Amino acid sequence: MRTLISERVVAELRDEILRGDLPPGTSLREVALAARFAVSRNTVREAVRALVTEGLLQHGMHRGVVVAEQSEDDVVDLYRARAAVEIAAAGSAPGAGPRALAPLEDAIRAMGDAFAGGDWQAVTAADLAFHRALVGLAGSARLDQFYANLQGELRLLLLWADRDAPDAGKVAEHRRMLELVRAGDTAGLRGAVDAHVVAAEGVLVRVLRDRLATRR
């Protein structure tokens, strides 16, 4: 029962963060959350742990738990790590069978539907799913976990980018990467992944600067 209650708290807080109702840096107090949701403090701790794992909350210096916020330096560092993981995984991608490629195809389809409907949370979710599946082709559980942690830290920033600077060519770009996987073109795929990650980093840095400017 407590698990179900915790999941409800997680879902409500997640929606508020992703909608922007709880801006980055907002402090969340355990006692206040317990009172608001009429749950125990243990339940709040469970919910907070889940959202920290998702990258939506973090422990702030002298501020307790806060809505995650990243600096420009954080973005650059995260994208350096992201590029290393994805380019390395791209070497294992060509030659993957139809079953292994199905999650990539599903993610592209979902991305297209979400983009057409202006559902930016769904666009971001599909984008994350595509790249998680691409890295998954390497067949390394440790690499999968490391990459999942990176995605958690980037999730909110990616949503901002999709919402603030929607890219009409995003679906086609991901479809091109899938075509390179199918063609067994390792060099082409690595080049496409590298270009995609570099461009995405540039968008995130620009969006982050714009958001920070409006908060001053």
N, C-alpha and C. Protein backbone atom coordinates (compact mmCIF):
# COMPACT_ATOMS: atom_id res chain seq x y z
N MET A 1 0.83 -1.21 0.00
CA MET A 1 0.00 0.00 0.00
C MET A 1 0.86 1.26 0.00
N ARG A 2 1.93 1.28 0.88
CA ARG A 2 2.76 2.47 0.93
C ARG A 2 3.46 2.72 -0.40
N THR A 3 3.80 1.61 -1.11
CA THR A 3 4.44 1.77 -2.41
C THR A 3 3.52 2.49 -3.38
N LEU A 4 2.23 2.13 -3.39
CA LEU A 4 1.27 2.78 -4.28
C LEU A 4 1.12 4.26 -3.94
N ILE A 5 1.10 4.56 -2.63
CA ILE A 5 0.99 5.96 -2.20
C ILE A 5 2.23 6.73 -2.64
N SER A 6 3.40 6.11 -2.46
CA SER A 6 4.64 6.75 -2.88
C SER A 6 4.64 7.02 -4.38
N GLU A 7 4.14 6.09 -5.17
CA GLU A 7 4.07 6.26 -6.62
C GLU A 7 3.17 7.44 -6.98
N ARG A 8 2.09 7.64 -6.23
CA ARG A 8 1.21 8.78 -6.48
C ARG A 8 1.94 10.09 -6.22
N VAL A 9 2.68 10.15 -5.12
CA VAL A 9 3.45 11.36 -4.80
C VAL A 9 4.51 11.61 -5.89
N VAL A 10 5.20 10.55 -6.30
CA VAL A 10 6.20 10.67 -7.37
C VAL A 10 5.56 11.23 -8.64
N ALA A 11 4.41 10.67 -9.03
CA ALA A 11 3.75 11.07 -10.27
C ALA A 11 3.35 12.55 -10.22
N GLU A 12 2.79 13.00 -9.09
CA GLU A 12 2.35 14.38 -9.00
C GLU A 12 3.52 15.35 -9.00
N LEU A 13 4.57 15.02 -8.25
CA LEU A 13 5.74 15.91 -8.22
C LEU A 13 6.44 15.92 -9.57
N ARG A 14 6.53 14.76 -10.21
CA ARG A 14 7.16 14.69 -11.53
C ARG A 14 6.42 15.59 -12.52
N ASP A 15 5.10 15.51 -12.53
CA ASP A 15 4.31 16.34 -13.45
C ASP A 15 4.54 17.83 -13.18
N GLU A 16 4.59 18.21 -11.91
CA GLU A 16 4.78 19.61 -11.56
C GLU A 16 6.15 20.12 -12.00
N ILE A 17 7.16 19.26 -11.86
CA ILE A 17 8.52 19.64 -12.27
C ILE A 17 8.58 19.79 -13.79
N LEU A 18 8.05 18.80 -14.51
CA LEU A 18 8.13 18.82 -15.96
C LEU A 18 7.26 19.92 -16.57
N ARG A 19 6.18 20.29 -15.90
CA ARG A 19 5.35 21.40 -16.39
C ARG A 19 6.00 22.74 -16.11
N GLY A 20 6.97 22.76 -15.19
CA GLY A 20 7.60 24.03 -14.82
C GLY A 20 6.96 24.69 -13.63
N ASP A 21 6.00 24.03 -12.98
CA ASP A 21 5.37 24.60 -11.79
C ASP A 21 6.35 24.66 -10.62
N LEU A 22 7.32 23.75 -10.63
CA LEU A 22 8.39 23.75 -9.62
C LEU A 22 9.70 24.02 -10.36
N PRO A 23 10.15 25.26 -10.44
CA PRO A 23 11.35 25.61 -11.22
C PRO A 23 12.61 25.00 -10.61
N PRO A 24 13.67 24.87 -11.42
CA PRO A 24 14.95 24.39 -10.90
C PRO A 24 15.41 25.22 -9.71
N GLY A 25 15.93 24.54 -8.70
CA GLY A 25 16.39 25.22 -7.50
C GLY A 25 15.35 25.33 -6.41
N THR A 26 14.08 25.00 -6.72
CA THR A 26 13.02 25.06 -5.71
C THR A 26 13.31 24.04 -4.61
N SER A 27 13.28 24.51 -3.36
CA SER A 27 13.53 23.63 -2.22
C SER A 27 12.25 22.88 -1.85
N LEU A 28 12.37 21.59 -1.61
CA LEU A 28 11.24 20.76 -1.21
C LEU A 28 11.49 20.22 0.19
N ARG A 29 10.65 20.63 1.13
CA ARG A 29 10.83 20.23 2.53
C ARG A 29 10.00 18.99 2.84
N GLU A 30 10.64 18.05 3.51
CA GLU A 30 10.00 16.76 3.81
C GLU A 30 8.71 16.93 4.61
N VAL A 31 8.76 17.76 5.65
CA VAL A 31 7.58 17.94 6.50
C VAL A 31 6.43 18.57 5.71
N ALA A 32 6.76 19.57 4.90
CA ALA A 32 5.72 20.23 4.10
C ALA A 32 5.10 19.29 3.08
N LEU A 33 5.92 18.46 2.45
CA LEU A 33 5.40 17.50 1.47
C LEU A 33 4.52 16.45 2.15
N ALA A 34 4.94 16.00 3.32
CA ALA A 34 4.14 15.01 4.04
C ALA A 34 2.77 15.58 4.39
N ALA A 35 2.75 16.84 4.81
CA ALA A 35 1.48 17.48 5.14
C ALA A 35 0.63 17.71 3.90
N ARG A 36 1.26 18.13 2.84
CA ARG A 36 0.52 18.42 1.60
C ARG A 36 -0.16 17.18 1.04
N PHE A 37 0.56 16.07 1.02
CA PHE A 37 0.02 14.83 0.43
C PHE A 37 -0.66 13.93 1.46
N ALA A 38 -0.62 14.37 2.74
CA ALA A 38 -1.23 13.58 3.83
C ALA A 38 -0.64 12.16 3.86
N VAL A 39 0.69 12.11 3.83
CA VAL A 39 1.40 10.83 3.88
C VAL A 39 2.49 10.92 4.94
N SER A 40 3.10 9.78 5.23
CA SER A 40 4.17 9.76 6.22
C SER A 40 5.46 10.33 5.63
N ARG A 41 6.37 10.71 6.50
CA ARG A 41 7.65 11.22 6.04
C ARG A 41 8.46 10.12 5.36
N ASN A 42 8.26 8.87 5.80
CA ASN A 42 8.94 7.75 5.13
C ASN A 42 8.50 7.63 3.67
N THR A 43 7.20 7.85 3.44
CA THR A 43 6.67 7.79 2.08
C THR A 43 7.26 8.92 1.24
N VAL A 44 7.38 10.10 1.83
CA VAL A 44 8.01 11.22 1.12
C VAL A 44 9.45 10.89 0.76
N ARG A 45 10.17 10.27 1.70
CA ARG A 45 11.58 9.91 1.42
C ARG A 45 11.66 8.94 0.26
N GLU A 46 10.74 7.97 0.19
CA GLU A 46 10.73 7.03 -0.93
C GLU A 46 10.51 7.76 -2.25
N ALA A 47 9.56 8.69 -2.25
CA ALA A 47 9.26 9.45 -3.46
C ALA A 47 10.46 10.30 -3.88
N VAL A 48 11.08 10.93 -2.92
CA VAL A 48 12.25 11.77 -3.22
C VAL A 48 13.38 10.93 -3.79
N ARG A 49 13.63 9.76 -3.20
CA ARG A 49 14.69 8.88 -3.73
C ARG A 49 14.43 8.52 -5.19
N ALA A 50 13.17 8.23 -5.50
CA ALA A 50 12.81 7.86 -6.87
C ALA A 50 13.08 9.02 -7.83
N LEU A 51 12.73 10.23 -7.42
CA LEU A 51 12.90 11.39 -8.31
C LEU A 51 14.36 11.82 -8.40
N VAL A 52 15.15 11.56 -7.36
CA VAL A 52 16.59 11.80 -7.44
C VAL A 52 17.20 10.84 -8.46
N THR A 53 16.75 9.58 -8.44
CA THR A 53 17.23 8.59 -9.40
C THR A 53 16.88 8.99 -10.82
N GLU A 54 15.70 9.60 -11.01
CA GLU A 54 15.28 10.05 -12.34
C GLU A 54 16.01 11.32 -12.78
N GLY A 55 16.73 11.95 -11.86
CA GLY A 55 17.44 13.17 -12.20
C GLY A 55 16.62 14.43 -12.07
N LEU A 56 15.42 14.33 -11.51
CA LEU A 56 14.55 15.51 -11.41
C LEU A 56 14.74 16.25 -10.09
N LEU A 57 15.24 15.57 -9.08
CA LEU A 57 15.58 16.20 -7.81
C LEU A 57 17.05 15.94 -7.51
N GLN A 58 17.64 16.79 -6.69
CA GLN A 58 19.01 16.59 -6.26
C GLN A 58 19.18 17.16 -4.86
N HIS A 59 20.22 16.75 -4.20
CA HIS A 59 20.51 17.26 -2.87
C HIS A 59 21.37 18.51 -3.01
N GLY A 60 20.80 19.66 -2.62
CA GLY A 60 21.51 20.92 -2.75
C GLY A 60 22.33 21.24 -1.51
N MET A 61 23.45 21.92 -1.71
CA MET A 61 24.32 22.30 -0.60
C MET A 61 23.59 23.22 0.37
N HIS A 62 23.43 22.77 1.60
CA HIS A 62 22.78 23.53 2.67
C HIS A 62 21.30 23.83 2.40
N ARG A 63 20.71 23.16 1.38
CA ARG A 63 19.31 23.45 1.05
C ARG A 63 18.44 22.21 1.07
N GLY A 64 18.98 21.08 1.44
CA GLY A 64 18.19 19.86 1.43
C GLY A 64 17.92 19.42 0.00
N VAL A 65 16.72 18.93 -0.24
CA VAL A 65 16.34 18.45 -1.58
C VAL A 65 15.79 19.61 -2.40
N VAL A 66 16.28 19.74 -3.63
CA VAL A 66 15.82 20.81 -4.52
C VAL A 66 15.52 20.23 -5.89
N VAL A 67 14.71 20.94 -6.65
CA VAL A 67 14.48 20.57 -8.05
C VAL A 67 15.80 20.73 -8.79
N ALA A 68 16.15 19.73 -9.58
CA ALA A 68 17.47 19.68 -10.22
C ALA A 68 17.73 20.92 -11.07
N GLU A 69 18.94 21.42 -10.96
CA GLU A 69 19.38 22.53 -11.82
C GLU A 69 20.80 22.22 -12.28
N GLN A 70 21.07 22.52 -13.55
CA GLN A 70 22.37 22.24 -14.13
C GLN A 70 22.98 23.55 -14.63
N SER A 71 24.29 23.64 -14.52
CA SER A 71 25.01 24.80 -15.05
C SER A 71 25.46 24.49 -16.47
N GLU A 72 25.96 25.52 -17.15
CA GLU A 72 26.49 25.32 -18.49
C GLU A 72 27.67 24.35 -18.47
N ASP A 73 28.51 24.44 -17.45
CA ASP A 73 29.63 23.52 -17.32
C ASP A 73 29.13 22.08 -17.14
N ASP A 74 28.02 21.91 -16.39
CA ASP A 74 27.44 20.58 -16.22
C ASP A 74 27.02 20.00 -17.56
N VAL A 75 26.38 20.83 -18.39
CA VAL A 75 25.91 20.37 -19.69
C VAL A 75 27.08 19.92 -20.55
N VAL A 76 28.13 20.72 -20.58
CA VAL A 76 29.30 20.37 -21.39
C VAL A 76 29.90 19.06 -20.91
N ASP A 77 30.01 18.89 -19.61
CA ASP A 77 30.60 17.66 -19.05
C ASP A 77 29.71 16.46 -19.33
N LEU A 78 28.40 16.62 -19.15
CA LEU A 78 27.46 15.52 -19.41
C LEU A 78 27.50 15.10 -20.88
N TYR A 79 27.62 16.09 -21.76
CA TYR A 79 27.64 15.75 -23.19
C TYR A 79 28.97 15.16 -23.63
N ARG A 80 30.03 15.48 -22.92
CA ARG A 80 31.30 14.81 -23.21
C ARG A 80 31.16 13.32 -22.89
N ALA A 81 30.54 13.03 -21.75
CA ALA A 81 30.32 11.63 -21.37
C ALA A 81 29.32 10.96 -22.31
N ARG A 82 28.26 11.69 -22.67
CA ARG A 82 27.26 11.11 -23.56
C ARG A 82 27.87 10.75 -24.92
N ALA A 83 28.69 11.63 -25.46
CA ALA A 83 29.31 11.36 -26.75
C ALA A 83 30.19 10.12 -26.68
N ALA A 84 30.97 10.01 -25.60
CA ALA A 84 31.86 8.86 -25.46
C ALA A 84 31.08 7.55 -25.43
N VAL A 85 29.99 7.53 -24.69
CA VAL A 85 29.20 6.30 -24.56
C VAL A 85 28.51 5.96 -25.88
N GLU A 86 27.85 6.94 -26.49
CA GLU A 86 27.07 6.65 -27.69
C GLU A 86 27.95 6.31 -28.89
N ILE A 87 29.07 6.99 -29.03
CA ILE A 87 29.95 6.69 -30.16
C ILE A 87 30.57 5.30 -29.99
N ALA A 88 30.91 4.95 -28.74
CA ALA A 88 31.44 3.61 -28.48
C ALA A 88 30.38 2.55 -28.77
N ALA A 89 29.16 2.80 -28.33
CA ALA A 89 28.08 1.83 -28.54
C ALA A 89 27.75 1.69 -30.03
N ALA A 90 27.95 2.76 -30.79
CA ALA A 90 27.64 2.72 -32.22
C ALA A 90 28.45 1.66 -32.94
N GLY A 91 29.62 1.33 -32.40
CA GLY A 91 30.43 0.30 -33.02
C GLY A 91 29.82 -1.08 -32.94
N SER A 92 28.90 -1.28 -31.98
CA SER A 92 28.23 -2.58 -31.83
C SER A 92 26.89 -2.63 -32.52
N ALA A 93 26.41 -1.46 -32.97
CA ALA A 93 25.05 -1.39 -33.49
C ALA A 93 24.84 -2.05 -34.85
N PRO A 94 25.69 -1.78 -35.86
CA PRO A 94 25.46 -2.39 -37.16
C PRO A 94 25.45 -3.92 -37.07
N GLY A 95 24.54 -4.52 -37.79
CA GLY A 95 24.40 -5.97 -37.77
C GLY A 95 23.40 -6.47 -36.76
N ALA A 96 22.82 -5.57 -35.96
CA ALA A 96 21.81 -6.00 -34.99
C ALA A 96 20.58 -6.53 -35.73
N GLY A 97 19.95 -7.54 -35.14
CA GLY A 97 18.79 -8.16 -35.77
C GLY A 97 17.51 -7.37 -35.59
N PRO A 98 16.43 -7.79 -36.28
CA PRO A 98 15.15 -7.07 -36.23
C PRO A 98 14.61 -6.91 -34.82
N ARG A 99 14.76 -7.93 -33.99
CA ARG A 99 14.22 -7.83 -32.63
C ARG A 99 14.95 -6.74 -31.85
N ALA A 100 16.26 -6.64 -32.02
CA ALA A 100 17.04 -5.63 -31.31
C ALA A 100 16.72 -4.22 -31.81
N LEU A 101 16.34 -4.13 -33.09
CA LEU A 101 16.06 -2.81 -33.67
C LEU A 101 14.63 -2.32 -33.41
N ALA A 102 13.77 -3.21 -32.98
CA ALA A 102 12.36 -2.85 -32.77
C ALA A 102 12.20 -1.66 -31.81
N PRO A 103 12.93 -1.61 -30.67
CA PRO A 103 12.78 -0.44 -29.78
C PRO A 103 13.16 0.87 -30.45
N LEU A 104 14.15 0.84 -31.35
CA LEU A 104 14.53 2.04 -32.08
C LEU A 104 13.40 2.49 -33.00
N GLU A 105 12.81 1.53 -33.69
CA GLU A 105 11.70 1.84 -34.59
C GLU A 105 10.50 2.39 -33.80
N ASP A 106 10.21 1.75 -32.66
CA ASP A 106 9.09 2.19 -31.83
C ASP A 106 9.31 3.62 -31.33
N ALA A 107 10.55 3.92 -30.94
CA ALA A 107 10.85 5.25 -30.42
C ALA A 107 10.68 6.31 -31.50
N ILE A 108 11.11 6.02 -32.72
CA ILE A 108 10.97 6.98 -33.82
C ILE A 108 9.49 7.21 -34.12
N ARG A 109 8.71 6.13 -34.13
CA ARG A 109 7.28 6.26 -34.39
C ARG A 109 6.61 7.12 -33.31
N ALA A 110 6.96 6.85 -32.06
CA ALA A 110 6.38 7.61 -30.95
C ALA A 110 6.82 9.07 -31.01
N MET A 111 8.07 9.31 -31.40
CA MET A 111 8.57 10.67 -31.51
C MET A 111 7.80 11.45 -32.58
N GLY A 112 7.57 10.81 -33.71
CA GLY A 112 6.82 11.48 -34.77
C GLY A 112 5.41 11.82 -34.36
N ASP A 113 4.73 10.89 -33.71
CA ASP A 113 3.36 11.13 -33.24
C ASP A 113 3.33 12.26 -32.22
N ALA A 114 4.29 12.23 -31.29
CA ALA A 114 4.32 13.23 -30.23
C ALA A 114 4.64 14.61 -30.79
N PHE A 115 5.56 14.66 -31.75
CA PHE A 115 5.93 15.94 -32.35
C PHE A 115 4.74 16.54 -33.09
N ALA A 116 4.02 15.70 -33.81
CA ALA A 116 2.85 16.18 -34.55
C ALA A 116 1.79 16.73 -33.61
N GLY A 117 1.69 16.14 -32.43
CA GLY A 117 0.68 16.59 -31.46
C GLY A 117 1.18 17.66 -30.50
N GLY A 118 2.45 18.05 -30.63
CA GLY A 118 2.99 19.07 -29.74
C GLY A 118 3.11 18.61 -28.31
N ASP A 119 3.25 17.30 -28.10
CA ASP A 119 3.40 16.74 -26.76
C ASP A 119 4.89 16.64 -26.46
N TRP A 120 5.45 17.69 -25.86
CA TRP A 120 6.90 17.77 -25.71
C TRP A 120 7.43 16.78 -24.69
N GLN A 121 6.66 16.47 -23.67
CA GLN A 121 7.10 15.44 -22.73
C GLN A 121 7.26 14.10 -23.45
N ALA A 122 6.32 13.79 -24.32
CA ALA A 122 6.38 12.53 -25.06
C ALA A 122 7.52 12.54 -26.09
N VAL A 123 7.78 13.71 -26.70
CA VAL A 123 8.91 13.82 -27.63
C VAL A 123 10.21 13.51 -26.89
N THR A 124 10.37 14.13 -25.73
CA THR A 124 11.58 13.89 -24.94
C THR A 124 11.70 12.43 -24.53
N ALA A 125 10.59 11.85 -24.08
CA ALA A 125 10.60 10.44 -23.66
C ALA A 125 11.01 9.53 -24.81
N ALA A 126 10.50 9.80 -26.00
CA ALA A 126 10.84 8.98 -27.16
C ALA A 126 12.30 9.17 -27.56
N ASP A 127 12.79 10.39 -27.47
CA ASP A 127 14.20 10.68 -27.77
C ASP A 127 15.10 9.90 -26.82
N LEU A 128 14.79 9.96 -25.54
CA LEU A 128 15.57 9.23 -24.54
C LEU A 128 15.52 7.73 -24.81
N ALA A 129 14.34 7.23 -25.16
CA ALA A 129 14.17 5.80 -25.41
C ALA A 129 15.01 5.35 -26.61
N PHE A 130 15.05 6.17 -27.66
CA PHE A 130 15.84 5.82 -28.84
C PHE A 130 17.32 5.65 -28.49
N HIS A 131 17.86 6.64 -27.79
CA HIS A 131 19.29 6.60 -27.50
C HIS A 131 19.63 5.53 -26.45
N ARG A 132 18.69 5.30 -25.54
CA ARG A 132 18.89 4.20 -24.57
C ARG A 132 18.93 2.87 -25.30
N ALA A 133 18.05 2.70 -26.30
CA ALA A 133 18.03 1.46 -27.08
C ALA A 133 19.28 1.33 -27.94
N LEU A 134 19.77 2.46 -28.46
CA LEU A 134 20.99 2.44 -29.27
C LEU A 134 22.18 1.98 -28.43
N VAL A 135 22.31 2.54 -27.24
CA VAL A 135 23.39 2.12 -26.34
C VAL A 135 23.19 0.67 -25.93
N GLY A 136 21.93 0.25 -25.78
CA GLY A 136 21.64 -1.12 -25.39
C GLY A 136 22.14 -2.16 -26.38
N LEU A 137 22.34 -1.75 -27.64
CA LEU A 137 22.84 -2.69 -28.65
C LEU A 137 24.25 -3.17 -28.34
N ALA A 138 24.96 -2.43 -27.46
CA ALA A 138 26.31 -2.85 -27.07
C ALA A 138 26.27 -4.08 -26.18
N GLY A 139 25.11 -4.36 -25.58
CA GLY A 139 24.97 -5.56 -24.75
C GLY A 139 25.72 -5.51 -23.44
N SER A 140 25.88 -4.32 -22.86
CA SER A 140 26.59 -4.16 -21.59
C SER A 140 25.66 -3.60 -20.53
N ALA A 141 25.38 -4.38 -19.49
CA ALA A 141 24.49 -3.93 -18.42
C ALA A 141 25.09 -2.73 -17.69
N ARG A 142 26.41 -2.73 -17.51
CA ARG A 142 27.06 -1.60 -16.80
C ARG A 142 26.98 -0.32 -17.63
N LEU A 143 27.18 -0.47 -18.94
CA LEU A 143 27.08 0.70 -19.81
C LEU A 143 25.64 1.22 -19.82
N ASP A 144 24.68 0.31 -19.83
CA ASP A 144 23.27 0.70 -19.79
C ASP A 144 22.97 1.51 -18.53
N GLN A 145 23.47 1.06 -17.38
CA GLN A 145 23.20 1.75 -16.13
C GLN A 145 23.87 3.11 -16.09
N PHE A 146 25.12 3.16 -16.56
CA PHE A 146 25.84 4.43 -16.59
C PHE A 146 25.10 5.43 -17.48
N TYR A 147 24.64 4.95 -18.63
CA TYR A 147 23.94 5.84 -19.56
C TYR A 147 22.59 6.28 -19.00
N ALA A 148 21.91 5.39 -18.31
CA ALA A 148 20.63 5.75 -17.69
C ALA A 148 20.83 6.88 -16.69
N ASN A 149 21.93 6.84 -15.94
CA ASN A 149 22.22 7.92 -14.99
C ASN A 149 22.48 9.25 -15.72
N LEU A 150 23.19 9.19 -16.84
CA LEU A 150 23.41 10.40 -17.64
C LEU A 150 22.08 10.98 -18.12
N GLN A 151 21.23 10.09 -18.63
CA GLN A 151 19.94 10.56 -19.13
C GLN A 151 19.11 11.20 -18.02
N GLY A 152 19.20 10.64 -16.82
CA GLY A 152 18.45 11.21 -15.70
C GLY A 152 18.85 12.65 -15.45
N GLU A 153 20.14 12.92 -15.52
CA GLU A 153 20.62 14.29 -15.29
C GLU A 153 20.24 15.23 -16.42
N LEU A 154 20.02 14.68 -17.62
CA LEU A 154 19.73 15.51 -18.78
C LEU A 154 18.23 15.67 -19.06
N ARG A 155 17.41 14.87 -18.43
CA ARG A 155 16.01 14.76 -18.83
C ARG A 155 15.28 16.10 -18.83
N LEU A 156 15.43 16.85 -17.74
CA LEU A 156 14.71 18.12 -17.65
C LEU A 156 15.22 19.12 -18.68
N LEU A 157 16.54 19.14 -18.90
CA LEU A 157 17.11 20.05 -19.90
C LEU A 157 16.64 19.69 -21.30
N LEU A 158 16.55 18.40 -21.58
CA LEU A 158 16.09 17.97 -22.90
C LEU A 158 14.63 18.38 -23.13
N LEU A 159 13.83 18.28 -22.08
CA LEU A 159 12.43 18.72 -22.20
C LEU A 159 12.36 20.21 -22.50
N TRP A 160 13.19 21.00 -21.81
CA TRP A 160 13.23 22.43 -22.10
C TRP A 160 13.57 22.68 -23.55
N ALA A 161 14.57 21.94 -24.05
CA ALA A 161 15.00 22.15 -25.43
C ALA A 161 13.89 21.81 -26.41
N ASP A 162 13.20 20.68 -26.18
CA ASP A 162 12.11 20.29 -27.08
C ASP A 162 10.96 21.31 -27.02
N ARG A 163 10.72 21.85 -25.84
CA ARG A 163 9.61 22.79 -25.67
C ARG A 163 9.96 24.19 -26.18
N ASP A 164 11.18 24.64 -25.90
CA ASP A 164 11.58 26.02 -26.23
C ASP A 164 12.14 26.16 -27.64
N ALA A 165 12.75 25.09 -28.14
CA ALA A 165 13.39 25.16 -29.47
C ALA A 165 13.10 23.88 -30.25
N PRO A 166 11.82 23.63 -30.55
CA PRO A 166 11.47 22.39 -31.28
C PRO A 166 12.17 22.30 -32.63
N ASP A 167 12.68 21.11 -32.93
CA ASP A 167 13.45 20.89 -34.15
C ASP A 167 12.63 20.03 -35.11
N ALA A 168 12.20 20.63 -36.21
CA ALA A 168 11.35 19.93 -37.17
C ALA A 168 12.06 18.76 -37.83
N GLY A 169 13.39 18.76 -37.82
CA GLY A 169 14.12 17.68 -38.46
C GLY A 169 14.52 16.56 -37.53
N LYS A 170 14.04 16.61 -36.30
CA LYS A 170 14.47 15.66 -35.28
C LYS A 170 14.11 14.22 -35.64
N VAL A 171 12.91 14.00 -36.09
CA VAL A 171 12.46 12.64 -36.41
C VAL A 171 13.28 12.07 -37.57
N ALA A 172 13.48 12.87 -38.62
CA ALA A 172 14.26 12.42 -39.77
C ALA A 172 15.70 12.13 -39.38
N GLU A 173 16.25 12.91 -38.47
CA GLU A 173 17.63 12.70 -38.03
C GLU A 173 17.78 11.35 -37.32
N HIS A 174 16.81 11.02 -36.49
CA HIS A 174 16.86 9.73 -35.80
C HIS A 174 16.59 8.58 -36.77
N ARG A 175 15.72 8.82 -37.73
CA ARG A 175 15.46 7.77 -38.73
C ARG A 175 16.73 7.49 -39.55
N ARG A 176 17.49 8.54 -39.82
CA ARG A 176 18.75 8.37 -40.56
C ARG A 176 19.73 7.50 -39.76
N MET A 177 19.80 7.72 -38.46
CA MET A 177 20.68 6.90 -37.63
C MET A 177 20.26 5.44 -37.66
N LEU A 178 18.96 5.19 -37.65
CA LEU A 178 18.47 3.82 -37.73
C LEU A 178 18.84 3.20 -39.07
N GLU A 179 18.73 3.97 -40.15
CA GLU A 179 19.09 3.46 -41.47
C GLU A 179 20.57 3.07 -41.53
N LEU A 180 21.41 3.84 -40.87
CA LEU A 180 22.84 3.53 -40.84
C LEU A 180 23.12 2.26 -40.05
N VAL A 181 22.34 2.04 -38.98
CA VAL A 181 22.46 0.78 -38.22
C VAL A 181 22.10 -0.38 -39.13
N ARG A 182 20.97 -0.27 -39.84
CA ARG A 182 20.52 -1.34 -40.72
C ARG A 182 21.53 -1.62 -41.84
N ALA A 183 22.17 -0.55 -42.32
CA ALA A 183 23.12 -0.69 -43.43
C ALA A 183 24.47 -1.24 -42.98
N GLY A 184 24.67 -1.33 -41.67
CA GLY A 184 25.95 -1.81 -41.17
C GLY A 184 27.08 -0.82 -41.37
N ASP A 185 26.72 0.46 -41.48
CA ASP A 185 27.71 1.51 -41.74
C ASP A 185 28.22 2.07 -40.41
N THR A 186 29.22 1.42 -39.85
CA THR A 186 29.73 1.82 -38.54
C THR A 186 30.31 3.24 -38.56
N ALA A 187 31.13 3.53 -39.55
CA ALA A 187 31.74 4.86 -39.63
C ALA A 187 30.68 5.94 -39.82
N GLY A 188 29.71 5.66 -40.68
CA GLY A 188 28.65 6.62 -40.91
C GLY A 188 27.81 6.86 -39.67
N LEU A 189 27.53 5.78 -38.93
CA LEU A 189 26.73 5.90 -37.72
C LEU A 189 27.47 6.69 -36.66
N ARG A 190 28.75 6.39 -36.49
CA ARG A 190 29.52 7.13 -35.50
C ARG A 190 29.56 8.62 -35.84
N GLY A 191 29.71 8.93 -37.13
CA GLY A 191 29.71 10.33 -37.54
C GLY A 191 28.37 11.00 -37.29
N ALA A 192 27.28 10.28 -37.57
CA ALA A 192 25.94 10.82 -37.37
C ALA A 192 25.65 11.04 -35.89
N VAL A 193 26.06 10.07 -35.07
CA VAL A 193 25.85 10.20 -33.62
C VAL A 193 26.65 11.37 -33.07
N ASP A 194 27.91 11.49 -33.50
CA ASP A 194 28.76 12.59 -33.04
C ASP A 194 28.14 13.93 -33.41
N ALA A 195 27.70 14.07 -34.66
CA ALA A 195 27.09 15.33 -35.11
C ALA A 195 25.82 15.63 -34.34
N HIS A 196 25.04 14.60 -34.07
CA HIS A 196 23.78 14.78 -33.33
C HIS A 196 24.04 15.26 -31.91
N VAL A 197 25.01 14.63 -31.25
CA VAL A 197 25.31 14.99 -29.86
C VAL A 197 25.88 16.40 -29.78
N VAL A 198 26.76 16.76 -30.70
CA VAL A 198 27.34 18.11 -30.71
C VAL A 198 26.25 19.16 -30.91
N ALA A 199 25.35 18.91 -31.87
CA ALA A 199 24.26 19.86 -32.13
C ALA A 199 23.33 19.96 -30.93
N ALA A 200 23.02 18.83 -30.31
CA ALA A 200 22.12 18.83 -29.16
C ALA A 200 22.72 19.59 -27.99
N GLU A 201 24.03 19.44 -27.79
CA GLU A 201 24.70 20.18 -26.72
C GLU A 201 24.58 21.68 -26.97
N GLY A 202 24.77 22.11 -28.19
CA GLY A 202 24.67 23.52 -28.52
C GLY A 202 23.29 24.08 -28.23
N VAL A 203 22.25 23.30 -28.56
CA VAL A 203 20.87 23.73 -28.30
C VAL A 203 20.64 23.85 -26.80
N LEU A 204 21.09 22.86 -26.04
CA LEU A 204 20.87 22.88 -24.59
C LEU A 204 21.57 24.06 -23.94
N VAL A 205 22.78 24.34 -24.36
CA VAL A 205 23.51 25.47 -23.78
C VAL A 205 22.77 26.78 -24.08
N ARG A 206 22.28 26.92 -25.30
CA ARG A 206 21.55 28.14 -25.67
C ARG A 206 20.25 28.26 -24.88
N VAL A 207 19.51 27.17 -24.76
CA VAL A 207 18.25 27.19 -24.02
C VAL A 207 18.51 27.48 -22.54
N LEU A 208 19.56 26.87 -21.99
CA LEU A 208 19.88 27.10 -20.58
C LEU A 208 20.23 28.56 -20.34
N ARG A 209 21.01 29.15 -21.23
CA ARG A 209 21.37 30.57 -21.08
C ARG A 209 20.12 31.45 -21.13
N ASP A 210 19.21 31.14 -22.05
CA ASP A 210 17.99 31.93 -22.18
C ASP A 210 17.14 31.81 -20.92
N ARG A 211 17.04 30.61 -20.39
CA ARG A 211 16.22 30.40 -19.19
C ARG A 211 16.83 31.12 -17.99
N LEU A 212 18.13 31.02 -17.85
CA LEU A 212 18.78 31.69 -16.73
C LEU A 212 18.64 33.20 -16.84
N ALA A 213 18.68 33.73 -18.07
CA ALA A 213 18.55 35.17 -18.27
C ALA A 213 17.18 35.67 -17.83
N THR A 214 16.14 34.86 -18.09
CA THR A 214 14.79 35.29 -17.71
C THR A 214 14.56 35.21 -16.21
N ARG A 215 15.40 34.45 -15.49
CA ARG A 215 15.23 34.32 -14.04
C ARG A 215 15.96 35.42 -13.28
N ARG A 216 16.82 36.17 -13.98
CA ARG A 216 17.59 37.21 -13.30
C ARG A 216 16.74 38.44 -13.03
